[in-house]
């Protein structure tokens, strides 16, 4: 008899629990039964400068175009490492600890750190502004992902840049490139510059740095050896670009950029990328993963196939340089002032 009473009580308790559970909304569902997922994304941005900021803006815009909107069904936790590797690692670890649904990593160091932290936690990483995902060990030679990590590359159109520089500076011989020795993307891009420079009668003079503190002396040394400088998407160097531009302008040496924001703030011209467009492309990839349409490991990384020519006529005037009319007219966008 006691056993029958106990069994009856257990049955009633289980039934009550089921009723209680059914009365609550399932995770990601509204009270009216509408299937509306909500997500949390941690955004790890390696440094604060225009191109990476544009990536972040474009990333959120790309998600919104796919129905994932911050403040509605998306919570964003944004952290900036201020170009510090130690801080980058702390940010990655904090996102894993918080069990975010996804990490968006902006720039190569952030992407490498995020993937290393998240790989055992099963959190997908979507990166952008990674110049060489293969060299960064985020993708294989055929472009496929090495794990739950994928995104977009901001690989520079090196040959188009060299061709453009030769058109603008027909007598130049030596191109200076400053780069961070620890950035894999910079090393691979310099190798490509060296391989192609001879086709345009250029010689590459490189100068490596470790931190932003090295930039002023490195710039002085480099500017004493070259006819112009071309800037990469190297995060540490880009963060110090105003210093380089100030020193170059004093010597009337043109600096070429790698994307639109660098041209706005004082580089002469660039065959470069639109980082907002790159970010949007990344956001659309992220949406596929969040919605369960694809795993990150099923998506090869993507690139923007058509670079754009950008030019700053104010910089040209200041340096006494004439940009060929045909080239100038081909610009996606030109600027007649320097943005501070």
C-alpha atoms as a PDB file:
ATOM      1  CA  UNK A   1       0.000   0.000   0.000  1.00  0.00           C
ATOM      2  CA  UNK A   2       2.784   2.389   0.914  1.00  0.00           C
ATOM      3  CA  UNK A   3       4.505   1.589  -2.370  1.00  0.00           C
ATOM      4  CA  UNK A   4       1.312   2.413  -4.336  1.00  0.00           C
ATOM      5  CA  UNK A   5       0.907   5.769  -2.526  1.00  0.00           C
ATOM      6  CA  UNK A   6       4.553   6.646  -3.155  1.00  0.00           C
ATOM      7  CA  UNK A   7       4.239   5.735  -6.835  1.00  0.00           C
ATOM      8  CA  UNK A   8       1.138   7.896  -7.121  1.00  0.00           C
ATOM      9  CA  UNK A   9       2.861  10.876  -5.533  1.00  0.00           C
ATOM     10  CA  UNK A  10       5.853  10.536  -7.865  1.00  0.00           C
ATOM     11  CA  UNK A  11       3.552  10.356 -10.884  1.00  0.00           C
ATOM     12  CA  UNK A  12       1.743  13.531  -9.787  1.00  0.00           C
ATOM     13  CA  UNK A  13       5.033  15.326  -9.197  1.00  0.00           C
ATOM     14  CA  UNK A  14       6.311  14.386 -12.638  1.00  0.00           C
ATOM     15  CA  UNK A  15       3.086  15.539 -14.267  1.00  0.00           C
ATOM     16  CA  UNK A  16       3.262  18.866 -12.429  1.00  0.00           C
ATOM     17  CA  UNK A  17       6.840  19.356 -13.533  1.00  0.00           C
ATOM     18  CA  UNK A  18       5.876  18.691 -17.156  1.00  0.00           C
ATOM     19  CA  UNK A  19       3.002  21.173 -16.970  1.00  0.00           C
ATOM     20  CA  UNK A  20       5.283  23.791 -15.396  1.00  0.00           C
ATOM     21  CA  UNK A  21       7.933  23.208 -18.056  1.00  0.00           C
ATOM     22  CA  UNK A  22       5.411  23.509 -20.875  1.00  0.00           C
ATOM     23  CA  UNK A  23       4.025  26.728 -19.455  1.00  0.00           C
ATOM     24  CA  UNK A  24       7.430  28.420 -19.910  1.00  0.00           C
ATOM     25  CA  UNK A  25       8.653  29.669 -23.266  1.00  0.00           C
ATOM     26  CA  UNK A  26      11.340  27.502 -24.820  1.00  0.00           C
ATOM     27  CA  UNK A  27      14.685  29.263 -25.177  1.00  0.00           C
ATOM     28  CA  UNK A  28      14.571  31.592 -28.143  1.00  0.00           C
ATOM     29  CA  UNK A  29      10.767  31.516 -28.440  1.00  0.00           C
ATOM     30  CA  UNK A  30       8.259  34.237 -27.653  1.00  0.00           C
ATOM     31  CA  UNK A  31       5.203  33.781 -25.448  1.00  0.00           C
ATOM     32  CA  UNK A  32       3.003  33.669 -28.555  1.00  0.00           C
ATOM     33  CA  UNK A  33       4.890  30.664 -29.904  1.00  0.00           C
ATOM     34  CA  UNK A  34       6.812  32.634 -32.563  1.00  0.00           C
ATOM     35  CA  UNK A  35      10.200  31.065 -33.257  1.00  0.00           C
ATOM     36  CA  UNK A  36      12.566  33.975 -32.669  1.00  0.00           C
ATOM     37  CA  UNK A  37      16.130  33.140 -31.750  1.00  0.00           C
ATOM     38  CA  UNK A  38      18.297  35.527 -29.807  1.00  0.00           C
ATOM     39  CA  UNK A  39      22.072  35.517 -29.919  1.00  0.00           C
ATOM     40  CA  UNK A  40      25.075  36.889 -28.084  1.00  0.00           C
ATOM     41  CA  UNK A  41      28.214  37.708 -30.047  1.00  0.00           C
ATOM     42  CA  UNK A  42      31.523  38.781 -28.570  1.00  0.00           C
ATOM     43  CA  UNK A  43      33.434  41.118 -30.879  1.00  0.00           C
ATOM     44  CA  UNK A  44      37.191  41.145 -30.315  1.00  0.00           C
ATOM     45  CA  UNK A  45      38.871  43.999 -32.212  1.00  0.00           C
ATOM     46  CA  UNK A  46      42.640  44.071 -32.082  1.00  0.00           C
ATOM     47  CA  UNK A  47      43.145  47.829 -32.469  1.00  0.00           C
ATOM     48  CA  UNK A  48      41.191  51.019 -32.873  1.00  0.00           C
ATOM     49  CA  UNK A  49      41.564  52.555 -36.299  1.00  0.00           C
ATOM     50  CA  UNK A  50      39.290  53.402 -39.214  1.00  0.00           C
ATOM     51  CA  UNK A  51      39.539  50.231 -41.286  1.00  0.00           C
ATOM     52  CA  UNK A  52      38.849  47.887 -38.371  1.00  0.00           C
ATOM     53  CA  UNK A  53      36.058  50.135 -37.098  1.00  0.00           C
ATOM     54  CA  UNK A  54      34.530  49.917 -40.583  1.00  0.00           C
ATOM     55  CA  UNK A  55      34.779  46.129 -40.457  1.00  0.00           C
ATOM     56  CA  UNK A  56      32.793  46.111 -37.227  1.00  0.00           C
ATOM     57  CA  UNK A  57      30.184  48.487 -38.618  1.00  0.00           C
ATOM     58  CA  UNK A  58      29.847  46.408 -41.774  1.00  0.00           C
ATOM     59  CA  UNK A  59      29.660  43.149 -39.796  1.00  0.00           C
ATOM     60  CA  UNK A  60      26.660  44.362 -37.791  1.00  0.00           C
ATOM     61  CA  UNK A  61      25.044  45.721 -40.967  1.00  0.00           C
ATOM     62  CA  UNK A  62      25.488  42.363 -42.685  1.00  0.00           C
ATOM     63  CA  UNK A  63      23.850  40.572 -39.766  1.00  0.00           C
ATOM     64  CA  UNK A  64      20.978  43.059 -39.782  1.00  0.00           C
ATOM     65  CA  UNK A  65      20.371  42.422 -43.479  1.00  0.00           C
ATOM     66  CA  UNK A  66      19.912  38.772 -42.523  1.00  0.00           C
ATOM     67  CA  UNK A  67      17.408  39.573 -39.774  1.00  0.00           C
ATOM     68  CA  UNK A  68      19.795  39.570 -36.806  1.00  0.00           C
ATOM     69  CA  UNK A  69      19.679  43.037 -35.264  1.00  0.00           C
ATOM     70  CA  UNK A  70      21.442  44.440 -32.220  1.00  0.00           C
ATOM     71  CA  UNK A  71      18.936  45.442 -29.552  1.00  0.00           C
ATOM     72  CA  UNK A  72      16.239  43.145 -30.933  1.00  0.00           C
ATOM     73  CA  UNK A  73      17.481  39.581 -31.208  1.00  0.00           C
ATOM     74  CA  UNK A  74      21.208  40.246 -30.849  1.00  0.00           C
ATOM     75  CA  UNK A  75      23.342  41.204 -27.865  1.00  0.00           C
ATOM     76  CA  UNK A  76      26.837  42.441 -28.711  1.00  0.00           C
ATOM     77  CA  UNK A  77      29.749  42.469 -26.278  1.00  0.00           C
ATOM     78  CA  UNK A  78      32.436  44.616 -27.929  1.00  0.00           C
ATOM     79  CA  UNK A  79      35.992  44.749 -26.606  1.00  0.00           C
ATOM     80  CA  UNK A  80      39.076  46.460 -28.068  1.00  0.00           C
ATOM     81  CA  UNK A  81      42.592  45.231 -27.265  1.00  0.00           C
ATOM     82  CA  UNK A  82      44.331  48.517 -28.171  1.00  0.00           C
ATOM     83  CA  UNK A  83      46.945  46.512 -30.145  1.00  0.00           C
ATOM     84  CA  UNK A  84      48.079  44.640 -27.035  1.00  0.00           C
ATOM     85  CA  UNK A  85      48.529  40.883 -27.394  1.00  0.00           C
ATOM     86  CA  UNK A  86      48.065  40.199 -23.678  1.00  0.00           C
ATOM     87  CA  UNK A  87      44.756  42.048 -23.687  1.00  0.00           C
ATOM     88  CA  UNK A  88      43.714  40.166 -26.818  1.00  0.00           C
ATOM     89  CA  UNK A  89      44.153  36.877 -24.969  1.00  0.00           C
ATOM     90  CA  UNK A  90      42.177  38.106 -21.977  1.00  0.00           C
ATOM     91  CA  UNK A  91      39.316  39.181 -24.231  1.00  0.00           C
ATOM     92  CA  UNK A  92      39.182  35.771 -25.929  1.00  0.00           C
ATOM     93  CA  UNK A  93      39.191  33.961 -22.605  1.00  0.00           C
ATOM     94  CA  UNK A  94      36.421  36.172 -21.231  1.00  0.00           C
ATOM     95  CA  UNK A  95      34.159  35.462 -24.200  1.00  0.00           C
ATOM     96  CA  UNK A  96      34.686  31.726 -23.799  1.00  0.00           C
ATOM     97  CA  UNK A  97      33.986  32.007 -20.072  1.00  0.00           C
ATOM     98  CA  UNK A  98      30.780  33.926 -20.823  1.00  0.00           C
ATOM     99  CA  UNK A  99      29.746  31.187 -23.292  1.00  0.00           C
ATOM    100  CA  UNK A 100      28.855  33.572 -26.096  1.00  0.00           C
ATOM    101  CA  UNK A 101      27.203  32.062 -29.167  1.00  0.00           C
ATOM    102  CA  UNK A 102      29.938  33.306 -31.467  1.00  0.00           C
ATOM    103  CA  UNK A 103      33.136  35.350 -31.457  1.00  0.00           C
ATOM    104  CA  UNK A 104      33.731  37.855 -34.231  1.00  0.00           C
ATOM    105  CA  UNK A 105      37.480  38.512 -34.387  1.00  0.00           C
ATOM    106  CA  UNK A 106      38.688  41.590 -36.245  1.00  0.00           C
ATOM    107  CA  UNK A 107      42.319  41.395 -37.473  1.00  0.00           C
ATOM    108  CA  UNK A 108      44.777  38.516 -37.509  1.00  0.00           C
ATOM    109  CA  UNK A 109      46.021  38.581 -33.874  1.00  0.00           C
ATOM    110  CA  UNK A 110      42.440  38.698 -32.590  1.00  0.00           C
ATOM    111  CA  UNK A 111      41.424  35.818 -34.863  1.00  0.00           C
ATOM    112  CA  UNK A 112      44.315  33.594 -33.826  1.00  0.00           C
ATOM    113  CA  UNK A 113      43.701  34.288 -30.146  1.00  0.00           C
ATOM    114  CA  UNK A 114      39.948  33.756 -30.396  1.00  0.00           C
ATOM    115  CA  UNK A 115      40.271  30.436 -32.202  1.00  0.00           C
ATOM    116  CA  UNK A 116      42.875  29.118 -29.777  1.00  0.00           C
ATOM    117  CA  UNK A 117      40.608  30.004 -26.848  1.00  0.00           C
ATOM    118  CA  UNK A 118      37.335  28.801 -28.376  1.00  0.00           C
ATOM    119  CA  UNK A 119      38.329  25.635 -30.220  1.00  0.00           C
ATOM    120  CA  UNK A 120      37.744  23.303 -27.254  1.00  0.00           C
ATOM    121  CA  UNK A 121      34.591  25.110 -26.136  1.00  0.00           C
ATOM    122  CA  UNK A 122      32.740  24.558 -29.407  1.00  0.00           C
ATOM    123  CA  UNK A 123      32.214  28.297 -29.947  1.00  0.00           C
ATOM    124  CA  UNK A 124      32.457  29.275 -33.634  1.00  0.00           C
ATOM    125  CA  UNK A 125      34.827  32.089 -34.588  1.00  0.00           C
ATOM    126  CA  UNK A 126      34.119  34.316 -37.582  1.00  0.00           C
ATOM    127  CA  UNK A 127      37.016  36.595 -38.508  1.00  0.00           C
ATOM    128  CA  UNK A 128      37.520  39.553 -40.770  1.00  0.00           C
ATOM    129  CA  UNK A 129      40.521  41.640 -41.866  1.00  0.00           C
ATOM    130  CA  UNK A 130      42.822  38.605 -41.807  1.00  0.00           C
ATOM    131  CA  UNK A 131      45.158  39.087 -44.761  1.00  0.00           C
ATOM    132  CA  UNK A 132      46.478  35.529 -45.009  1.00  0.00           C
ATOM    133  CA  UNK A 133      44.326  32.946 -43.199  1.00  0.00           C
ATOM    134  CA  UNK A 134      46.633  30.144 -44.359  1.00  0.00           C
ATOM    135  CA  UNK A 135      49.761  31.737 -42.908  1.00  0.00           C
ATOM    136  CA  UNK A 136      47.778  32.514 -39.759  1.00  0.00           C
ATOM    137  CA  UNK A 137      46.921  28.778 -39.527  1.00  0.00           C
ATOM    138  CA  UNK A 138      43.195  29.471 -39.690  1.00  0.00           C
ATOM    139  CA  UNK A 139      42.710  27.764 -43.057  1.00  0.00           C
ATOM    140  CA  UNK A 140      44.346  25.093 -45.186  1.00  0.00           C
ATOM    141  CA  UNK A 141      46.024  25.694 -48.536  1.00  0.00           C
ATOM    142  CA  UNK A 142      42.762  25.067 -50.408  1.00  0.00           C
ATOM    143  CA  UNK A 143      40.916  27.656 -48.298  1.00  0.00           C
ATOM    144  CA  UNK A 144      38.935  25.298 -46.107  1.00  0.00           C
ATOM    145  CA  UNK A 145      38.681  25.934 -42.377  1.00  0.00           C
ATOM    146  CA  UNK A 146      40.919  24.154 -39.869  1.00  0.00           C
ATOM    147  CA  UNK A 147      38.024  23.930 -37.404  1.00  0.00           C
ATOM    148  CA  UNK A 148      34.970  25.953 -36.407  1.00  0.00           C
ATOM    149  CA  UNK A 149      36.567  29.120 -37.735  1.00  0.00           C
ATOM    150  CA  UNK A 150      36.094  31.031 -40.981  1.00  0.00           C
ATOM    151  CA  UNK A 151      35.605  34.554 -42.275  1.00  0.00           C
ATOM    152  CA  UNK A 152      36.968  37.065 -44.760  1.00  0.00           C
ATOM    153  CA  UNK A 153      40.441  38.047 -45.894  1.00  0.00           C
ATOM    154  CA  UNK A 154      41.587  41.576 -46.653  1.00  0.00           C
ATOM    155  CA  UNK A 155      44.346  40.349 -48.958  1.00  0.00           C
ATOM    156  CA  UNK A 156      45.867  43.325 -50.710  1.00  0.00           C
ATOM    157  CA  UNK A 157      45.906  43.657 -54.507  1.00  0.00           C
ATOM    158  CA  UNK A 158      49.697  44.005 -54.529  1.00  0.00           C
ATOM    159  CA  UNK A 159      50.210  43.964 -58.284  1.00  0.00           C
ATOM    160  CA  UNK A 160      47.493  46.561 -58.884  1.00  0.00           C
ATOM    161  CA  UNK A 161      49.117  48.737 -56.190  1.00  0.00           C
ATOM    162  CA  UNK A 162      52.550  48.495 -57.804  1.00  0.00           C
ATOM    163  CA  UNK A 163      51.118  49.300 -61.211  1.00  0.00           C
ATOM    164  CA  UNK A 164      49.299  52.341 -59.820  1.00  0.00           C
ATOM    165  CA  UNK A 165      52.393  53.593 -57.991  1.00  0.00           C
ATOM    166  CA  UNK A 166      54.459  53.346 -61.181  1.00  0.00           C
ATOM    167  CA  UNK A 167      51.847  55.381 -63.069  1.00  0.00           C
ATOM    168  CA  UNK A 168      51.936  58.157 -60.470  1.00  0.00           C
ATOM    169  CA  UNK A 169      55.701  58.075 -59.808  1.00  0.00           C
ATOM    170  CA  UNK A 170      57.405  57.202 -63.113  1.00  0.00           C
ATOM    171  CA  UNK A 171      60.912  57.940 -61.774  1.00  0.00           C
ATOM    172  CA  UNK A 172      60.703  56.299 -58.329  1.00  0.00           C
ATOM    173  CA  UNK A 173      63.067  53.413 -57.579  1.00  0.00           C
ATOM    174  CA  UNK A 174      62.731  52.415 -53.927  1.00  0.00           C
ATOM    175  CA  UNK A 175      59.530  51.647 -52.019  1.00  0.00           C
ATOM    176  CA  UNK A 176      59.640  51.563 -48.221  1.00  0.00           C
ATOM    177  CA  UNK A 177      57.455  49.210 -46.198  1.00  0.00           C
ATOM    178  CA  UNK A 178      57.171  49.279 -42.411  1.00  0.00           C
ATOM    179  CA  UNK A 179      55.744  46.177 -40.769  1.00  0.00           C
ATOM    180  CA  UNK A 180      55.308  44.413 -37.440  1.00  0.00           C
ATOM    181  CA  UNK A 181      57.607  41.404 -37.234  1.00  0.00           C
ATOM    182  CA  UNK A 182      55.046  39.334 -35.301  1.00  0.00           C
ATOM    183  CA  UNK A 183      52.178  39.800 -37.783  1.00  0.00           C
ATOM    184  CA  UNK A 184      51.923  36.837 -40.154  1.00  0.00           C
ATOM    185  CA  UNK A 185      49.789  38.797 -42.605  1.00  0.00           C
ATOM    186  CA  UNK A 186      52.493  41.459 -43.033  1.00  0.00           C
ATOM    187  CA  UNK A 187      55.225  38.901 -43.665  1.00  0.00           C
ATOM    188  CA  UNK A 188      53.270  37.183 -46.429  1.00  0.00           C
ATOM    189  CA  UNK A 189      52.367  40.494 -48.086  1.00  0.00           C
ATOM    190  CA  UNK A 190      55.972  41.708 -48.068  1.00  0.00           C
ATOM    191  CA  UNK A 191      57.017  38.434 -49.688  1.00  0.00           C
ATOM    192  CA  UNK A 192      54.525  39.121 -52.482  1.00  0.00           C
ATOM    193  CA  UNK A 193      55.780  42.697 -52.887  1.00  0.00           C
ATOM    194  CA  UNK A 194      59.346  41.427 -53.222  1.00  0.00           C
ATOM    195  CA  UNK A 195      58.304  38.842 -55.773  1.00  0.00           C
ATOM    196  CA  UNK A 196      56.492  41.360 -57.992  1.00  0.00           C
ATOM    197  CA  UNK A 197      58.397  44.637 -57.461  1.00  0.00           C
ATOM    198  CA  UNK A 198      61.047  43.905 -60.094  1.00  0.00           C
ATOM    199  CA  UNK A 199      58.367  43.678 -62.781  1.00  0.00           C
ATOM    200  CA  UNK A 200      57.785  47.405 -62.250  1.00  0.00           C
ATOM    201  CA  UNK A 201      61.443  48.395 -61.718  1.00  0.00           C
ATOM    202  CA  UNK A 202      60.990  48.884 -57.993  1.00  0.00           C
ATOM    203  CA  UNK A 203      63.184  47.800 -55.100  1.00  0.00           C
ATOM    204  CA  UNK A 204      61.582  47.041 -51.723  1.00  0.00           C
ATOM    205  CA  UNK A 205      63.208  48.441 -48.569  1.00  0.00           C
ATOM    206  CA  UNK A 206      61.612  46.966 -45.450  1.00  0.00           C
ATOM    207  CA  UNK A 207      61.745  48.030 -41.825  1.00  0.00           C
ATOM    208  CA  UNK A 208      60.454  45.820 -39.030  1.00  0.00           C
ATOM    209  CA  UNK A 209      59.090  47.030 -35.696  1.00  0.00           C
ATOM    210  CA  UNK A 210      57.810  45.334 -32.557  1.00  0.00           C
ATOM    211  CA  UNK A 211      55.571  47.998 -30.978  1.00  0.00           C
ATOM    212  CA  UNK A 212      54.149  51.441 -31.735  1.00  0.00           C
ATOM    213  CA  UNK A 213      57.008  52.919 -29.702  1.00  0.00           C
ATOM    214  CA  UNK A 214      59.397  51.817 -32.466  1.00  0.00           C
ATOM    215  CA  UNK A 215      57.565  53.733 -35.196  1.00  0.00           C
ATOM    216  CA  UNK A 216      59.150  57.231 -35.008  1.00  0.00           C
ATOM    217  CA  UNK A 217      62.768  56.040 -35.293  1.00  0.00           C
ATOM    218  CA  UNK A 218      61.853  53.395 -37.862  1.00  0.00           C
ATOM    219  CA  UNK A 219      60.071  56.013 -39.963  1.00  0.00           C
ATOM    220  CA  UNK A 220      63.077  58.352 -39.870  1.00  0.00           C
ATOM    221  CA  UNK A 221      65.372  55.527 -40.956  1.00  0.00           C
ATOM    222  CA  UNK A 222      63.075  54.337 -43.732  1.00  0.00           C
ATOM    223  CA  UNK A 223      62.339  57.795 -45.121  1.00  0.00           C
ATOM    224  CA  UNK A 224      66.068  58.381 -45.512  1.00  0.00           C
ATOM    225  CA  UNK A 225      66.340  55.479 -47.950  1.00  0.00           C
ATOM    226  CA  UNK A 226      63.248  55.521 -50.183  1.00  0.00           C
ATOM    227  CA  UNK A 227      61.298  57.505 -52.790  1.00  0.00           C
ATOM    228  CA  UNK A 228      57.897  56.562 -51.372  1.00  0.00           C
ATOM    229  CA  UNK A 229      56.239  54.345 -48.777  1.00  0.00           C
ATOM    230  CA  UNK A 230      53.434  51.878 -49.255  1.00  0.00           C
ATOM    231  CA  UNK A 231      51.399  50.986 -46.223  1.00  0.00           C
ATOM    232  CA  UNK A 232      50.038  47.526 -45.485  1.00  0.00           C
ATOM    233  CA  UNK A 233      47.052  46.536 -43.367  1.00  0.00           C
ATOM    234  CA  UNK A 234      49.517  45.980 -40.508  1.00  0.00           C
ATOM    235  CA  UNK A 235      47.549  46.903 -37.379  1.00  0.00           C
ATOM    236  CA  UNK A 236      50.396  48.287 -35.274  1.00  0.00           C
ATOM    237  CA  UNK A 237      51.680  50.428 -38.146  1.00  0.00           C
ATOM    238  CA  UNK A 238      48.216  51.660 -39.132  1.00  0.00           C
ATOM    239  CA  UNK A 239      47.581  52.730 -35.550  1.00  0.00           C
ATOM    240  CA  UNK A 240      50.652  54.989 -35.879  1.00  0.00           C
ATOM    241  CA  UNK A 241      49.996  56.173 -39.430  1.00  0.00           C
ATOM    242  CA  UNK A 242      49.564  59.862 -38.446  1.00  0.00           C
ATOM    243  CA  UNK A 243      53.147  59.852 -37.117  1.00  0.00           C
ATOM    244  CA  UNK A 244      54.464  58.326 -40.341  1.00  0.00           C
ATOM    245  CA  UNK A 245      52.505  60.778 -42.483  1.00  0.00           C
ATOM    246  CA  UNK A 246      53.755  63.787 -40.527  1.00  0.00           C
ATOM    247  CA  UNK A 247      57.376  62.745 -40.995  1.00  0.00           C
ATOM    248  CA  UNK A 248      56.875  61.835 -44.661  1.00  0.00           C
ATOM    249  CA  UNK A 249      55.173  65.145 -45.445  1.00  0.00           C
ATOM    250  CA  UNK A 250      58.124  67.048 -43.994  1.00  0.00           C
ATOM    251  CA  UNK A 251      60.363  65.296 -46.531  1.00  0.00           C
ATOM    252  CA  UNK A 252      57.796  65.523 -49.362  1.00  0.00           C
ATOM    253  CA  UNK A 253      57.760  61.737 -49.678  1.00  0.00           C
ATOM    254  CA  UNK A 254      54.399  60.247 -50.719  1.00  0.00           C
ATOM    255  CA  UNK A 255      52.793  57.506 -48.659  1.00  0.00           C
ATOM    256  CA  UNK A 256      50.416  55.119 -50.394  1.00  0.00           C
ATOM    257  CA  UNK A 257      47.645  53.460 -48.408  1.00  0.00           C
ATOM    258  CA  UNK A 258      45.946  50.091 -48.541  1.00  0.00           C
ATOM    259  CA  UNK A 259      42.308  51.152 -48.070  1.00  0.00           C
ATOM    260  CA  UNK A 260      39.949  54.104 -48.156  1.00  0.00           C
ATOM    261  CA  UNK A 261      40.378  55.339 -44.566  1.00  0.00           C
ATOM    262  CA  UNK A 262      44.149  55.688 -44.975  1.00  0.00           C
ATOM    263  CA  UNK A 263      43.608  57.867 -48.056  1.00  0.00           C
ATOM    264  CA  UNK A 264      41.146  60.038 -46.165  1.00  0.00           C
ATOM    265  CA  UNK A 265      43.685  60.831 -43.428  1.00  0.00           C
ATOM    266  CA  UNK A 266      46.601  61.685 -45.693  1.00  0.00           C
ATOM    267  CA  UNK A 267      47.885  58.844 -47.858  1.00  0.00           C
ATOM    268  CA  UNK A 268      48.166  59.870 -51.509  1.00  0.00           C
ATOM    269  CA  UNK A 269      46.278  56.957 -53.076  1.00  0.00           C
ATOM    270  CA  UNK A 270      45.456  53.272 -52.748  1.00  0.00           C
ATOM    271  CA  UNK A 271      44.328  50.295 -54.758  1.00  0.00           C
ATOM    272  CA  UNK A 272      42.497  49.064 -51.734  1.00  0.00           C
ATOM    273  CA  UNK A 273      39.463  47.640 -50.062  1.00  0.00           C
ATOM    274  CA  UNK A 274      36.154  48.904 -48.780  1.00  0.00           C
ATOM    275  CA  UNK A 275      36.183  47.554 -45.236  1.00  0.00           C
ATOM    276  CA  UNK A 276      32.494  48.188 -44.649  1.00  0.00           C
ATOM    277  CA  UNK A 277      31.745  45.933 -47.621  1.00  0.00           C
ATOM    278  CA  UNK A 278      34.189  43.360 -46.247  1.00  0.00           C
ATOM    279  CA  UNK A 279      32.463  43.493 -42.861  1.00  0.00           C
ATOM    280  CA  UNK A 280      29.035  43.025 -44.459  1.00  0.00           C
ATOM    281  CA  UNK A 281      30.303  39.968 -46.285  1.00  0.00           C
ATOM    282  CA  UNK A 282      31.520  38.614 -42.935  1.00  0.00           C
ATOM    283  CA  UNK A 283      28.198  39.356 -41.236  1.00  0.00           C
ATOM    284  CA  UNK A 284      26.306  37.355 -43.834  1.00  0.00           C
ATOM    285  CA  UNK A 285      28.618  34.393 -43.257  1.00  0.00           C
ATOM    286  CA  UNK A 286      28.076  34.707 -39.510  1.00  0.00           C
ATOM    287  CA  UNK A 287      24.304  34.715 -39.998  1.00  0.00           C
ATOM    288  CA  UNK A 288      24.479  31.364 -41.786  1.00  0.00           C
ATOM    289  CA  UNK A 289      26.307  29.858 -38.824  1.00  0.00           C
ATOM    290  CA  UNK A 290      24.046  31.396 -36.170  1.00  0.00           C
ATOM    291  CA  UNK A 291      20.908  30.201 -37.963  1.00  0.00           C
ATOM    292  CA  UNK A 292      22.291  26.693 -38.228  1.00  0.00           C
ATOM    293  CA  UNK A 293      22.346  26.747 -42.032  1.00  0.00           C
ATOM    294  CA  UNK A 294      26.078  25.974 -42.104  1.00  0.00           C
ATOM    295  CA  UNK A 295      28.828  25.191 -39.652  1.00  0.00           C
ATOM    296  CA  UNK A 296      31.831  27.523 -39.690  1.00  0.00           C
ATOM    297  CA  UNK A 297      33.965  24.535 -40.654  1.00  0.00           C
ATOM    298  CA  UNK A 298      31.835  24.099 -43.788  1.00  0.00           C
ATOM    299  CA  UNK A 299      32.571  27.617 -45.084  1.00  0.00           C
ATOM    300  CA  UNK A 300      35.814  28.461 -46.848  1.00  0.00           C
ATOM    301  CA  UNK A 301      37.128  31.950 -46.201  1.00  0.00           C
ATOM    302  CA  UNK A 302      36.145  34.647 -48.685  1.00  0.00           C
ATOM    303  CA  UNK A 303      37.815  37.707 -50.198  1.00  0.00           C
ATOM    304  CA  UNK A 304      36.725  40.851 -52.008  1.00  0.00           C
ATOM    305  CA  UNK A 305      37.706  40.202 -55.611  1.00  0.00           C
ATOM    306  CA  UNK A 306      37.495  43.757 -56.963  1.00  0.00           C
ATOM    307  CA  UNK A 307      39.621  46.432 -55.244  1.00  0.00           C
ATOM    308  CA  UNK A 308      38.896  50.112 -55.750  1.00  0.00           C
ATOM    309  CA  UNK A 309      41.174  53.036 -56.549  1.00  0.00           C
ATOM    310  CA  UNK A 310      41.056  55.900 -54.038  1.00  0.00           C
ATOM    311  CA  UNK A 311      42.988  59.160 -54.290  1.00  0.00           C
ATOM    312  CA  UNK A 312      43.417  62.350 -52.266  1.00  0.00           C
ATOM    313  CA  UNK A 313      43.891  65.411 -54.494  1.00  0.00           C
ATOM    314  CA  UNK A 314      44.757  67.630 -51.508  1.00  0.00           C
ATOM    315  CA  UNK A 315      47.712  65.374 -50.666  1.00  0.00           C
ATOM    316  CA  UNK A 316      48.785  65.410 -54.317  1.00  0.00           C
ATOM    317  CA  UNK A 317      48.728  69.219 -54.341  1.00  0.00           C
ATOM    318  CA  UNK A 318      50.706  69.405 -51.086  1.00  0.00           C
ATOM    319  CA  UNK A 319      53.385  67.103 -52.497  1.00  0.00           C
ATOM    320  CA  UNK A 320      53.450  68.721 -55.957  1.00  0.00           C
ATOM    321  CA  UNK A 321      52.454  65.437 -57.611  1.00  0.00           C
ATOM    322  CA  UNK A 322      50.248  65.195 -60.675  1.00  0.00           C
ATOM    323  CA  UNK A 323      48.032  62.116 -60.808  1.00  0.00           C
ATOM    324  CA  UNK A 324      47.478  61.044 -64.440  1.00  0.00           C
ATOM    325  CA  UNK A 325      44.041  62.198 -65.560  1.00  0.00           C
ATOM    326  CA  UNK A 326      42.919  58.786 -66.786  1.00  0.00           C
ATOM    327  CA  UNK A 327      43.865  57.215 -63.469  1.00  0.00           C
ATOM    328  CA  UNK A 328      42.242  60.004 -61.461  1.00  0.00           C
ATOM    329  CA  UNK A 329      38.995  59.646 -63.392  1.00  0.00           C
ATOM    330  CA  UNK A 330      38.915  55.917 -62.650  1.00  0.00           C
ATOM    331  CA  UNK A 331      38.740  56.493 -58.883  1.00  0.00           C
ATOM    332  CA  UNK A 332      35.884  54.913 -56.978  1.00  0.00           C
ATOM    333  CA  UNK A 333      36.155  57.905 -54.675  1.00  0.00           C
ATOM    334  CA  UNK A 334      38.446  60.942 -54.470  1.00  0.00           C
ATOM    335  CA  UNK A 335      38.981  63.377 -51.622  1.00  0.00           C
ATOM    336  CA  UNK A 336      39.911  67.052 -51.703  1.00  0.00           C
ATOM    337  CA  UNK A 337      40.690  67.411 -48.021  1.00  0.00           C
ATOM    338  CA  UNK A 338      42.624  65.586 -45.312  1.00  0.00           C
ATOM    339  CA  UNK A 339      40.556  64.232 -42.421  1.00  0.00           C
ATOM    340  CA  UNK A 340      42.108  64.801 -39.043  1.00  0.00           C
END
